[in-house]
Amino acid sequence: MDEVIALKGEGLMLKDPKSKYVQKRSDRLVKVKKFDDTEATVIGHLKGTGRCSSMCGALQVRMANGIEFKIGSGFTDVQRRSPPKIGSIVTFKYQGLTKANVPRFPIYMRVHQGV
């Protein structure tokens, strides 16, 4: 996995060696990706669209280094109806950083409970 990541790959595909290939999602072939996680402070709520139009669509957050971005995935509908309060710290996972040091594909995990 580390070698694939070092060569800019996303991860590995693991296949049951006894299974045949099928052209759909299958529990016989799974993608494994490496994620990092960290925390950020909620600085705003962005309105959802489409199915989520009556809920929170994304959190506007700021990391300790000052980088601001949106986290729009990883939420249940219950969490979207009652998103983390502005000022709270949330934990999210992501797949590396962009050239501008913004987390790639951030996914909400939970409100950070502190230490």
PDB file of N, CA and C in Angstrom:
ATOM      1  N   MET A   1       0.833  -1.190   0.000  1.00  0.00           N
ATOM      2  CA  MET A   1       0.000   0.000   0.000  1.00  0.00           C
ATOM      3  C   MET A   1       0.880   1.257   0.000  1.00  0.00           C
ATOM      4  N   ASP A   2       1.904   1.273   0.845  1.00  0.00           N
ATOM      5  CA  ASP A   2       2.772   2.453   0.911  1.00  0.00           C
ATOM      6  C   ASP A   2       3.456   2.733  -0.423  1.00  0.00           C
ATOM      7  N   GLU A   3       3.850   1.685  -1.130  1.00  0.00           N
ATOM      8  CA  GLU A   3       4.487   1.872  -2.442  1.00  0.00           C
ATOM      9  C   GLU A   3       3.509   2.472  -3.448  1.00  0.00           C
ATOM     10  N   VAL A   4       2.283   2.009  -3.451  1.00  0.00           N
ATOM     11  CA  VAL A   4       1.260   2.532  -4.368  1.00  0.00           C
ATOM     12  C   VAL A   4       0.987   4.000  -4.056  1.00  0.00           C
ATOM     13  N   ILE A   5       0.846   4.341  -2.788  1.00  0.00           N
ATOM     14  CA  ILE A   5       0.600   5.730  -2.379  1.00  0.00           C
ATOM     15  C   ILE A   5       1.782   6.610  -2.782  1.00  0.00           C
ATOM     16  N   ALA A   6       3.009   6.124  -2.587  1.00  0.00           N
ATOM     17  CA  ALA A   6       4.207   6.892  -2.959  1.00  0.00           C
ATOM     18  C   ALA A   6       4.256   7.175  -4.453  1.00  0.00           C
ATOM     19  N   LEU A   7       3.661   6.298  -5.261  1.00  0.00           N
ATOM     20  CA  LEU A   7       3.619   6.489  -6.714  1.00  0.00           C
ATOM     21  C   LEU A   7       2.360   7.245  -7.149  1.00  0.00           C
ATOM     22  N   LYS A   8       1.683   7.901  -6.194  1.00  0.00           N
ATOM     23  CA  LYS A   8       0.489   8.723  -6.431  1.00  0.00           C
ATOM     24  C   LYS A   8      -0.764   7.900  -6.730  1.00  0.00           C
ATOM     25  N   GLY A   9      -0.759   6.626  -6.364  1.00  0.00           N
ATOM     26  CA  GLY A   9      -1.956   5.806  -6.501  1.00  0.00           C
ATOM     27  C   GLY A   9      -2.912   6.071  -5.345  1.00  0.00           C
ATOM     28  N   GLU A  10      -4.187   5.737  -5.532  1.00  0.00           N
ATOM     29  CA  GLU A  10      -5.187   5.962  -4.477  1.00  0.00           C
ATOM     30  C   GLU A  10      -5.214   4.849  -3.446  1.00  0.00           C
ATOM     31  N   GLY A  11      -4.901   3.625  -3.850  1.00  0.00           N
ATOM     32  CA  GLY A  11      -4.985   2.509  -2.922  1.00  0.00           C
ATOM     33  C   GLY A  11      -4.881   1.197  -3.668  1.00  0.00           C
ATOM     34  N   LEU A  12      -5.439   0.163  -3.070  1.00  0.00           N
ATOM     35  CA  LEU A  12      -5.357  -1.181  -3.637  1.00  0.00           C
ATOM     36  C   LEU A  12      -6.743  -1.738  -3.899  1.00  0.00           C
ATOM     37  N   MET A  13      -6.818  -2.665  -4.831  1.00  0.00           N
ATOM     38  CA  MET A  13      -8.031  -3.440  -5.065  1.00  0.00           C
ATOM     39  C   MET A  13      -7.748  -4.846  -4.548  1.00  0.00           C
ATOM     40  N   LEU A  14      -8.589  -5.339  -3.642  1.00  0.00           N
ATOM     41  CA  LEU A  14      -8.433  -6.676  -3.089  1.00  0.00           C
ATOM     42  C   LEU A  14      -9.542  -7.560  -3.634  1.00  0.00           C
ATOM     43  N   LYS A  15      -9.160  -8.702  -4.201  1.00  0.00           N
ATOM     44  CA  LYS A  15     -10.106  -9.589  -4.852  1.00  0.00           C
ATOM     45  C   LYS A  15     -10.035 -10.975  -4.238  1.00  0.00           C
ATOM     46  N   ASP A  16     -11.185 -11.579  -4.042  1.00  0.00           N
ATOM     47  CA  ASP A  16     -11.242 -12.977  -3.638  1.00  0.00           C
ATOM     48  C   ASP A  16     -10.644 -13.782  -4.783  1.00  0.00           C
ATOM     49  N   PRO A  17      -9.556 -14.516  -4.558  1.00  0.00           N
ATOM     50  CA  PRO A  17      -8.891 -15.214  -5.660  1.00  0.00           C
ATOM     51  C   PRO A  17      -9.752 -16.290  -6.316  1.00  0.00           C
ATOM     52  N   LYS A  18     -10.802 -16.732  -5.660  1.00  0.00           N
ATOM     53  CA  LYS A  18     -11.661 -17.779  -6.218  1.00  0.00           C
ATOM     54  C   LYS A  18     -12.866 -17.213  -6.960  1.00  0.00           C
ATOM     55  N   SER A  19     -13.009 -15.890  -6.955  1.00  0.00           N
ATOM     56  CA  SER A  19     -14.197 -15.295  -7.579  1.00  0.00           C
ATOM     57  C   SER A  19     -13.937 -14.901  -9.024  1.00  0.00           C
ATOM     58  N   LYS A  20     -15.016 -14.811  -9.796  1.00  0.00           N
ATOM     59  CA  LYS A  20     -14.943 -14.346 -11.180  1.00  0.00           C
ATOM     60  C   LYS A  20     -15.297 -12.869 -11.199  1.00  0.00           C
ATOM     61  N   TYR A  21     -14.813 -12.173 -12.218  1.00  0.00           N
ATOM     62  CA  TYR A  21     -15.091 -10.751 -12.351  1.00  0.00           C
ATOM     63  C   TYR A  21     -16.559 -10.525 -12.709  1.00  0.00           C
ATOM     64  N   VAL A  22     -17.184  -9.534 -12.052  1.00  0.00           N
ATOM     65  CA  VAL A  22     -18.545  -9.118 -12.394  1.00  0.00           C
ATOM     66  C   VAL A  22     -18.525  -7.620 -12.618  1.00  0.00           C
ATOM     67  N   GLN A  23     -19.386  -7.123 -13.512  1.00  0.00           N
ATOM     68  CA  GLN A  23     -19.401  -5.698 -13.858  1.00  0.00           C
ATOM     69  C   GLN A  23     -20.383  -4.938 -12.987  1.00  0.00           C
ATOM     70  N   LYS A  24     -20.249  -5.059 -11.678  1.00  0.00           N
ATOM     71  CA  LYS A  24     -21.068  -4.322 -10.721  1.00  0.00           C
ATOM     72  C   LYS A  24     -20.361  -4.379  -9.377  1.00  0.00           C
ATOM     73  N   ARG A  25     -20.883  -3.638  -8.402  1.00  0.00           N
ATOM     74  CA  ARG A  25     -20.295  -3.692  -7.068  1.00  0.00           C
ATOM     75  C   ARG A  25     -20.418  -5.103  -6.513  1.00  0.00           C
ATOM     76  N   SER A  26     -19.393  -5.506  -5.790  1.00  0.00           N
ATOM     77  CA  SER A  26     -19.366  -6.865  -5.286  1.00  0.00           C
ATOM     78  C   SER A  26     -18.561  -6.916  -3.996  1.00  0.00           C
ATOM     79  N   ASP A  27     -18.940  -7.797  -3.088  1.00  0.00           N
ATOM     80  CA  ASP A  27     -18.141  -7.977  -1.881  1.00  0.00           C
ATOM     81  C   ASP A  27     -16.918  -8.854  -2.156  1.00  0.00           C
ATOM     82  N   ARG A  28     -16.757  -9.285  -3.392  1.00  0.00           N
ATOM     83  CA  ARG A  28     -15.610 -10.107  -3.798  1.00  0.00           C
ATOM     84  C   ARG A  28     -14.451  -9.259  -4.311  1.00  0.00           C
ATOM     85  N   LEU A  29     -14.693  -7.973  -4.540  1.00  0.00           N
ATOM     86  CA  LEU A  29     -13.670  -7.044  -5.001  1.00  0.00           C
ATOM     87  C   LEU A  29     -13.887  -5.726  -4.257  1.00  0.00           C
ATOM     88  N   VAL A  30     -12.935  -5.348  -3.436  1.00  0.00           N
ATOM     89  CA  VAL A  30     -13.080  -4.133  -2.643  1.00  0.00           C
ATOM     90  C   VAL A  30     -11.873  -3.217  -2.828  1.00  0.00           C
ATOM     91  N   LYS A  31     -12.144  -1.915  -2.778  1.00  0.00           N
ATOM     92  CA  LYS A  31     -11.089  -0.913  -2.879  1.00  0.00           C
ATOM     93  C   LYS A  31     -10.681  -0.512  -1.463  1.00  0.00           C
ATOM     94  N   VAL A  32      -9.383  -0.470  -1.215  1.00  0.00           N
ATOM     95  CA  VAL A  32      -8.858  -0.054   0.081  1.00  0.00           C
ATOM     96  C   VAL A  32      -8.035   1.199  -0.148  1.00  0.00           C
ATOM     97  N   LYS A  33      -8.408   2.280   0.526  1.00  0.00           N
ATOM     98  CA  LYS A  33      -7.696   3.545   0.382  1.00  0.00           C
ATOM     99  C   LYS A  33      -7.114   3.965   1.728  1.00  0.00           C
ATOM    100  N   LYS A  34      -6.048   4.746   1.676  1.00  0.00           N
ATOM    101  CA  LYS A  34      -5.436   5.288   2.878  1.00  0.00           C
ATOM    102  C   LYS A  34      -6.039   6.661   3.150  1.00  0.00           C
ATOM    103  N   PHE A  35      -6.481   6.868   4.368  1.00  0.00           N
ATOM    104  CA  PHE A  35      -7.021   8.149   4.775  1.00  0.00           C
ATOM    105  C   PHE A  35      -6.195   8.703   5.929  1.00  0.00           C
ATOM    106  N   ASP A  36      -6.101  10.017   5.991  1.00  0.00           N
ATOM    107  CA  ASP A  36      -5.573  10.711   7.155  1.00  0.00           C
ATOM    108  C   ASP A  36      -6.771  11.354   7.831  1.00  0.00           C
ATOM    109  N   ASP A  37      -6.626  11.730   9.096  1.00  0.00           N
ATOM    110  CA  ASP A  37      -7.707  12.474   9.741  1.00  0.00           C
ATOM    111  C   ASP A  37      -7.125  13.569  10.615  1.00  0.00           C
ATOM    112  N   THR A  38      -7.916  14.591  10.819  1.00  0.00           N
ATOM    113  CA  THR A  38      -7.515  15.724  11.656  1.00  0.00           C
ATOM    114  C   THR A  38      -8.769  16.479  12.075  1.00  0.00           C
ATOM    115  N   GLU A  39      -8.577  17.614  12.706  1.00  0.00           N
ATOM    116  CA  GLU A  39      -9.701  18.402  13.200  1.00  0.00           C
ATOM    117  C   GLU A  39      -9.726  19.786  12.553  1.00  0.00           C
ATOM    118  N   ALA A  40     -10.923  20.377  12.593  1.00  0.00           N
ATOM    119  CA  ALA A  40     -11.119  21.747  12.114  1.00  0.00           C
ATOM    120  C   ALA A  40     -12.262  22.364  12.909  1.00  0.00           C
ATOM    121  N   THR A  41     -12.310  23.686  12.929  1.00  0.00           N
ATOM    122  CA  THR A  41     -13.356  24.417  13.643  1.00  0.00           C
ATOM    123  C   THR A  41     -14.461  24.804  12.673  1.00  0.00           C
ATOM    124  N   VAL A  42     -15.706  24.575  13.073  1.00  0.00           N
ATOM    125  CA  VAL A  42     -16.853  24.941  12.244  1.00  0.00           C
ATOM    126  C   VAL A  42     -17.012  26.460  12.283  1.00  0.00           C
ATOM    127  N   ILE A  43     -17.029  27.086  11.090  1.00  0.00           N
ATOM    128  CA  ILE A  43     -17.199  28.540  11.020  1.00  0.00           C
ATOM    129  C   ILE A  43     -18.481  28.928  10.274  1.00  0.00           C
ATOM    130  N   GLY A  44     -19.199  27.933   9.742  1.00  0.00           N
ATOM    131  CA  GLY A  44     -20.444  28.241   9.041  1.00  0.00           C
ATOM    132  C   GLY A  44     -21.164  26.985   8.594  1.00  0.00           C
ATOM    133  N   HIS A  45     -22.440  27.171   8.270  1.00  0.00           N
ATOM    134  CA  HIS A  45     -23.271  26.097   7.723  1.00  0.00           C
ATOM    135  C   HIS A  45     -23.733  26.524   6.337  1.00  0.00           C
ATOM    136  N   LEU A  46     -23.627  25.640   5.371  1.00  0.00           N
ATOM    137  CA  LEU A  46     -24.057  25.941   4.015  1.00  0.00           C
ATOM    138  C   LEU A  46     -25.323  25.158   3.710  1.00  0.00           C
ATOM    139  N   LYS A  47     -26.310  25.837   3.146  1.00  0.00           N
ATOM    140  CA  LYS A  47     -27.597  25.227   2.851  1.00  0.00           C
ATOM    141  C   LYS A  47     -27.457  24.128   1.806  1.00  0.00           C
ATOM    142  N   GLY A  48     -28.203  23.050   2.017  1.00  0.00           N
ATOM    143  CA  GLY A  48     -28.178  21.938   1.083  1.00  0.00           C
ATOM    144  C   GLY A  48     -28.989  22.232  -0.168  1.00  0.00           C
ATOM    145  N   THR A  49     -28.835  21.385  -1.168  1.00  0.00           N
ATOM    146  CA  THR A  49     -29.607  21.494  -2.404  1.00  0.00           C
ATOM    147  C   THR A  49     -30.251  20.139  -2.688  1.00  0.00           C
ATOM    148  N   GLY A  50     -31.198  20.121  -3.600  1.00  0.00           N
ATOM    149  CA  GLY A  50     -31.844  18.867  -3.979  1.00  0.00           C
ATOM    150  C   GLY A  50     -32.496  18.190  -2.797  1.00  0.00           C
ATOM    151  N   ARG A  51     -32.183  16.927  -2.585  1.00  0.00           N
ATOM    152  CA  ARG A  51     -32.767  16.157  -1.497  1.00  0.00           C
ATOM    153  C   ARG A  51     -32.452  16.770  -0.130  1.00  0.00           C
ATOM    154  N   CYS A  52     -31.353  17.478  -0.034  1.00  0.00           N
ATOM    155  CA  CYS A  52     -30.924  18.072   1.237  1.00  0.00           C
ATOM    156  C   CYS A  52     -31.288  19.555   1.351  1.00  0.00           C
ATOM    157  N   SER A  53     -32.219  20.040   0.521  1.00  0.00           N
ATOM    158  CA  SER A  53     -32.507  21.478   0.483  1.00  0.00           C
ATOM    159  C   SER A  53     -33.055  22.028   1.803  1.00  0.00           C
ATOM    160  N   SER A  54     -33.634  21.197   2.645  1.00  0.00           N
ATOM    161  CA  SER A  54     -34.155  21.672   3.930  1.00  0.00           C
ATOM    162  C   SER A  54     -33.183  21.383   5.068  1.00  0.00           C
ATOM    163  N   MET A  55     -31.965  20.968   4.719  1.00  0.00           N
ATOM    164  CA  MET A  55     -30.976  20.600   5.739  1.00  0.00           C
ATOM    165  C   MET A  55     -29.648  21.296   5.459  1.00  0.00           C
ATOM    166  N   CYS A  56     -28.685  21.024   6.316  1.00  0.00           N
ATOM    167  CA  CYS A  56     -27.322  21.521   6.101  1.00  0.00           C
ATOM    168  C   CYS A  56     -26.691  20.728   4.972  1.00  0.00           C
ATOM    169  N   GLY A  57     -26.155  21.401   3.991  1.00  0.00           N
ATOM    170  CA  GLY A  57     -25.504  20.722   2.884  1.00  0.00           C
ATOM    171  C   GLY A  57     -24.023  20.498   3.130  1.00  0.00           C
ATOM    172  N   ALA A  58     -23.385  21.424   3.855  1.00  0.00           N
ATOM    173  CA  ALA A  58     -21.953  21.297   4.129  1.00  0.00           C
ATOM    174  C   ALA A  58     -21.582  22.201   5.303  1.00  0.00           C
ATOM    175  N   LEU A  59     -20.478  21.871   5.925  1.00  0.00           N
ATOM    176  CA  LEU A  59     -19.904  22.719   6.965  1.00  0.00           C
ATOM    177  C   LEU A  59     -18.769  23.519   6.358  1.00  0.00           C
ATOM    178  N   GLN A  60     -18.710  24.803   6.669  1.00  0.00           N
ATOM    179  CA  GLN A  60     -17.542  25.621   6.335  1.00  0.00           C
ATOM    180  C   GLN A  60     -16.639  25.520   7.556  1.00  0.00           C
ATOM    181  N   VAL A  61     -15.385  25.109   7.351  1.00  0.00           N
ATOM    182  CA  VAL A  61     -14.484  24.888   8.475  1.00  0.00           C
ATOM    183  C   VAL A  61     -13.143  25.584   8.256  1.00  0.00           C
ATOM    184  N   ARG A  62     -12.416  25.742   9.370  1.00  0.00           N
ATOM    185  CA  ARG A  62     -11.067  26.331   9.318  1.00  0.00           C
ATOM    186  C   ARG A  62     -10.133  25.446  10.144  1.00  0.00           C
ATOM    187  N   MET A  63      -9.021  25.067   9.535  1.00  0.00           N
ATOM    188  CA  MET A  63      -8.018  24.285  10.260  1.00  0.00           C
ATOM    189  C   MET A  63      -7.130  25.220  11.077  1.00  0.00           C
ATOM    190  N   ALA A  64      -6.342  24.666  11.979  1.00  0.00           N
ATOM    191  CA  ALA A  64      -5.468  25.458  12.841  1.00  0.00           C
ATOM    192  C   ALA A  64      -4.477  26.299  12.038  1.00  0.00           C
ATOM    193  N   ASN A  65      -4.106  25.837  10.824  1.00  0.00           N
ATOM    194  CA  ASN A  65      -3.167  26.586   9.979  1.00  0.00           C
ATOM    195  C   ASN A  65      -3.844  27.700   9.181  1.00  0.00           C
ATOM    196  N   GLY A  66      -5.162  27.897   9.385  1.00  0.00           N
ATOM    197  CA  GLY A  66      -5.898  28.974   8.724  1.00  0.00           C
ATOM    198  C   GLY A  66      -6.574  28.581   7.423  1.00  0.00           C
ATOM    199  N   ILE A  67      -6.319  27.399   6.896  1.00  0.00           N
ATOM    200  CA  ILE A  67      -6.938  26.938   5.646  1.00  0.00           C
ATOM    201  C   ILE A  67      -8.434  26.731   5.878  1.00  0.00           C
ATOM    202  N   GLU A  68      -9.257  27.314   4.987  1.00  0.00           N
ATOM    203  CA  GLU A  68     -10.706  27.165   5.061  1.00  0.00           C
ATOM    204  C   GLU A  68     -11.210  26.355   3.873  1.00  0.00           C
ATOM    205  N   PHE A  69     -12.226  25.516   4.110  1.00  0.00           N
ATOM    206  CA  PHE A  69     -12.820  24.695   3.064  1.00  0.00           C
ATOM    207  C   PHE A  69     -14.160  24.159   3.560  1.00  0.00           C
ATOM    208  N   LYS A  70     -14.827  23.381   2.712  1.00  0.00           N
ATOM    209  CA  LYS A  70     -16.125  22.809   3.034  1.00  0.00           C
ATOM    210  C   LYS A  70     -16.006  21.307   3.241  1.00  0.00           C
ATOM    211  N   ILE A  71     -16.805  20.790   4.178  1.00  0.00           N
ATOM    212  CA  ILE A  71     -16.972  19.353   4.345  1.00  0.00           C
ATOM    213  C   ILE A  71     -18.441  19.075   4.038  1.00  0.00           C
ATOM    214  N   GLY A  72     -18.700  18.323   2.961  1.00  0.00           N
ATOM    215  CA  GLY A  72     -20.075  18.096   2.535  1.00  0.00           C
ATOM    216  C   GLY A  72     -20.511  16.650   2.516  1.00  0.00           C
ATOM    217  N   SER A  73     -19.641  15.725   2.874  1.00  0.00           N
ATOM    218  CA  SER A  73     -20.057  14.319   2.863  1.00  0.00           C
ATOM    219  C   SER A  73     -19.748  13.675   4.208  1.00  0.00           C
ATOM    220  N   GLY A  74     -20.362  12.510   4.417  1.00  0.00           N
ATOM    221  CA  GLY A  74     -20.154  11.770   5.652  1.00  0.00           C
ATOM    222  C   GLY A  74     -21.254  11.951   6.673  1.00  0.00           C
ATOM    223  N   PHE A  75     -22.231  12.796   6.378  1.00  0.00           N
ATOM    224  CA  PHE A  75     -23.307  13.090   7.329  1.00  0.00           C
ATOM    225  C   PHE A  75     -24.506  12.176   7.129  1.00  0.00           C
ATOM    226  N   THR A  76     -25.161  11.838   8.226  1.00  0.00           N
ATOM    227  CA  THR A  76     -26.471  11.203   8.139  1.00  0.00           C
ATOM    228  C   THR A  76     -27.500  12.327   8.007  1.00  0.00           C
ATOM    229  N   ASP A  77     -28.731  11.990   7.647  1.00  0.00           N
ATOM    230  CA  ASP A  77     -29.774  13.023   7.581  1.00  0.00           C
ATOM    231  C   ASP A  77     -30.030  13.629   8.954  1.00  0.00           C
ATOM    232  N   VAL A  78     -29.937  12.830  10.007  1.00  0.00           N
ATOM    233  CA  VAL A  78     -30.122  13.353  11.373  1.00  0.00           C
ATOM    234  C   VAL A  78     -29.066  14.405  11.663  1.00  0.00           C
ATOM    235  N   GLN A  79     -27.815  14.133  11.299  1.00  0.00           N
ATOM    236  CA  GLN A  79     -26.739  15.105  11.517  1.00  0.00           C
ATOM    237  C   GLN A  79     -26.929  16.344  10.655  1.00  0.00           C
ATOM    238  N   ARG A  80     -27.459  16.183   9.446  1.00  0.00           N
ATOM    239  CA  ARG A  80     -27.702  17.340   8.582  1.00  0.00           C
ATOM    240  C   ARG A  80     -28.813  18.230   9.139  1.00  0.00           C
ATOM    241  N   ARG A  81     -29.787  17.629   9.816  1.00  0.00           N
ATOM    242  CA  ARG A  81     -30.872  18.420  10.403  1.00  0.00           C
ATOM    243  C   ARG A  81     -30.421  19.173  11.650  1.00  0.00           C
ATOM    244  N   SER A  82     -29.394  18.673  12.303  1.00  0.00           N
ATOM    245  CA  SER A  82     -28.865  19.298  13.514  1.00  0.00           C
ATOM    246  C   SER A  82     -27.337  19.266  13.447  1.00  0.00           C
ATOM    247  N   PRO A  83     -26.759  20.112  12.589  1.00  0.00           N
ATOM    248  CA  PRO A  83     -25.306  20.064  12.373  1.00  0.00           C
ATOM    249  C   PRO A  83     -24.524  20.568  13.589  1.00  0.00           C
ATOM    250  N   PRO A  84     -23.237  20.253  13.650  1.00  0.00           N
ATOM    251  CA  PRO A  84     -22.400  20.755  14.742  1.00  0.00           C
ATOM    252  C   PRO A  84     -22.466  22.279  14.808  1.00  0.00           C
ATOM    253  N   LYS A  85     -22.493  22.804  16.016  1.00  0.00           N
ATOM    254  CA  LYS A  85     -22.612  24.250  16.218  1.00  0.00           C
ATOM    255  C   LYS A  85     -21.370  24.983  15.732  1.00  0.00           C
ATOM    256  N   ILE A  86     -21.577  26.208  15.302  1.00  0.00           N
ATOM    257  CA  ILE A  86     -20.452  27.067  14.924  1.00  0.00           C
ATOM    258  C   ILE A  86     -19.557  27.219  16.146  1.00  0.00           C
ATOM    259  N   GLY A  87     -18.273  27.055  15.942  1.00  0.00           N
ATOM    260  CA  GLY A  87     -17.303  27.104  17.028  1.00  0.00           C
ATOM    261  C   GLY A  87     -16.889  25.729  17.531  1.00  0.00           C
ATOM    262  N   SER A  88     -17.678  24.704  17.204  1.00  0.00           N
ATOM    263  CA  SER A  88     -17.304  23.357  17.639  1.00  0.00           C
ATOM    264  C   SER A  88     -16.179  22.824  16.756  1.00  0.00           C
ATOM    265  N   ILE A  89     -15.468  21.853  17.284  1.00  0.00           N
ATOM    266  CA  ILE A  89     -14.362  21.238  16.556  1.00  0.00           C
ATOM    267  C   ILE A  89     -14.829  19.871  16.070  1.00  0.00           C
ATOM    268  N   VAL A  90     -14.605  19.611  14.776  1.00  0.00           N
ATOM    269  CA  VAL A  90     -15.019  18.343  14.185  1.00  0.00           C
ATOM    270  C   VAL A  90     -13.798  17.584  13.672  1.00  0.00           C
ATOM    271  N   THR A  91     -13.920  16.265  13.686  1.00  0.00           N
ATOM    272  CA  THR A  91     -12.892  15.403  13.119  1.00  0.00           C
ATOM    273  C   THR A  91     -13.366  14.978  11.740  1.00  0.00           C
ATOM    274  N   PHE A  92     -12.458  14.992  10.766  1.00  0.00           N
ATOM    275  CA  PHE A  92     -12.793  14.559   9.409  1.00  0.00           C
ATOM    276  C   PHE A  92     -11.629  13.752   8.855  1.00  0.00           C
ATOM    277  N   LYS A  93     -11.924  12.915   7.869  1.00  0.00           N
ATOM    278  CA  LYS A  93     -10.861  12.179   7.193  1.00  0.00           C
ATOM    279  C   LYS A  93     -10.741  12.714   5.773  1.00  0.00           C
ATOM    280  N   TYR A  94      -9.561  12.496   5.181  1.00  0.00           N
ATOM    281  CA  TYR A  94      -9.301  13.036   3.841  1.00  0.00           C
ATOM    282  C   TYR A  94      -8.210  12.219   3.165  1.00  0.00           C
ATOM    283  N   GLN A  95      -8.055  12.422   1.858  1.00  0.00           N
ATOM    284  CA  GLN A  95      -7.069  11.676   1.060  1.00  0.00           C
ATOM    285  C   GLN A  95      -5.976  12.608   0.562  1.00  0.00           C
ATOM    286  N   GLY A  96      -5.074  12.955   1.423  1.00  0.00           N
ATOM    287  CA  GLY A  96      -3.966  13.812   1.036  1.00  0.00           C
ATOM    288  C   GLY A  96      -4.382  15.270   0.894  1.00  0.00           C
ATOM    289  N   LEU A  97      -3.458  16.080   0.416  1.00  0.00           N
ATOM    290  CA  LEU A  97      -3.685  17.526   0.280  1.00  0.00           C
ATOM    291  C   LEU A  97      -3.527  17.953  -1.172  1.00  0.00           C
ATOM    292  N   THR A  98      -4.240  19.017  -1.529  1.00  0.00           N
ATOM    293  CA  THR A  98      -4.067  19.621  -2.846  1.00  0.00           C
ATOM    294  C   THR A  98      -2.768  20.436  -2.842  1.00  0.00           C
ATOM    295  N   LYS A  99      -2.407  21.003  -3.994  1.00  0.00           N
ATOM    296  CA  LYS A  99      -1.217  21.856  -4.065  1.00  0.00           C
ATOM    297  C   LYS A  99      -1.355  23.084  -3.176  1.00  0.00           C
ATOM    298  N   ALA A 100      -2.615  23.488  -2.896  1.00  0.00           N
ATOM    299  CA  ALA A 100      -2.870  24.639  -2.022  1.00  0.00           C
ATOM    300  C   ALA A 100      -2.991  24.222  -0.555  1.00  0.00           C
ATOM    301  N   ASN A 101      -2.626  22.969  -0.247  1.00  0.00           N
ATOM    302  CA  ASN A 101      -2.683  22.417   1.112  1.00  0.00           C
ATOM    303  C   ASN A 101      -4.089  22.282   1.676  1.00  0.00           C
ATOM    304  N   VAL A 102      -5.080  22.151   0.797  1.00  0.00           N
ATOM    305  CA  VAL A 102      -6.460  21.913   1.217  1.00  0.00           C
ATOM    306  C   VAL A 102      -6.689  20.402   1.219  1.00  0.00           C
ATOM    307  N   PRO A 103      -7.310  19.864   2.287  1.00  0.00           N
ATOM    308  CA  PRO A 103      -7.582  18.427   2.309  1.00  0.00           C
ATOM    309  C   PRO A 103      -8.426  17.990   1.109  1.00  0.00           C
ATOM    310  N   ARG A 104      -8.018  16.873   0.455  1.00  0.00           N
ATOM    311  CA  ARG A 104      -8.747  16.323  -0.687  1.00  0.00           C
ATOM    312  C   ARG A 104      -9.853  15.409  -0.183  1.00  0.00           C
ATOM    313  N   PHE A 105     -11.041  15.569  -0.731  1.00  0.00           N
ATOM    314  CA  PHE A 105     -12.195  14.722  -0.427  1.00  0.00           C
ATOM    315  C   PHE A 105     -12.452  14.585   1.078  1.00  0.00           C
ATOM    316  N   PRO A 106     -12.658  15.708   1.791  1.00  0.00           N
ATOM    317  CA  PRO A 106     -12.904  15.616   3.233  1.00  0.00           C
ATOM    318  C   PRO A 106     -14.259  14.952   3.526  1.00  0.00           C
ATOM    319  N   ILE A 107     -14.268  14.089   4.534  1.00  0.00           N
ATOM    320  CA  ILE A 107     -15.465  13.361   4.937  1.00  0.00           C
ATOM    321  C   ILE A 107     -15.652  13.534   6.436  1.00  0.00           C
ATOM    322  N   TYR A 108     -16.803  14.062   6.832  1.00  0.00           N
ATOM    323  CA  TYR A 108     -17.119  14.268   8.249  1.00  0.00           C
ATOM    324  C   TYR A 108     -17.121  12.942   8.993  1.00  0.00           C
ATOM    325  N   MET A 109     -16.548  12.957  10.209  1.00  0.00           N
ATOM    326  CA  MET A 109     -16.560  11.754  11.038  1.00  0.00           C
ATOM    327  C   MET A 109     -17.373  11.977  12.320  1.00  0.00           C
ATOM    328  N   ARG A 110     -17.055  13.043  13.066  1.00  0.00           N
ATOM    329  CA  ARG A 110     -17.729  13.256  14.351  1.00  0.00           C
ATOM    330  C   ARG A 110     -17.328  14.613  14.938  1.00  0.00           C
ATOM    331  N   VAL A 111     -18.079  15.043  15.971  1.00  0.00           N
ATOM    332  CA  VAL A 111     -17.673  16.197  16.749  1.00  0.00           C
ATOM    333  C   VAL A 111     -16.539  15.735  17.657  1.00  0.00           C
ATOM    334  N   HIS A 112     -15.471  16.503  17.705  1.00  0.00           N
ATOM    335  CA  HIS A 112     -14.301  16.153  18.520  1.00  0.00           C
ATOM    336  C   HIS A 112     -14.661  16.352  19.977  1.00  0.00           C
ATOM    337  N   GLN A 113     -14.434  15.330  20.790  1.00  0.00           N
ATOM    338  CA  GLN A 113     -14.824  15.390  22.205  1.00  0.00           C
ATOM    339  C   GLN A 113     -13.734  15.947  23.104  1.00  0.00           C
ATOM    340  N   GLY A 114     -12.589  16.258  22.566  1.00  0.00           N
ATOM    341  CA  GLY A 114     -11.503  16.790  23.386  1.00  0.00           C
ATOM    342  C   GLY A 114     -10.714  15.657  24.028  1.00  0.00           C
ATOM    343  N   VAL A 115      -9.707  16.037  24.778  1.00  0.00           N
ATOM    344  CA  VAL A 115      -8.843  15.024  25.404  1.00  0.00           C
ATOM    345  C   VAL A 115      -9.042  15.013  26.889  1.00  0.00           C
TER     346      VAL A 115
END
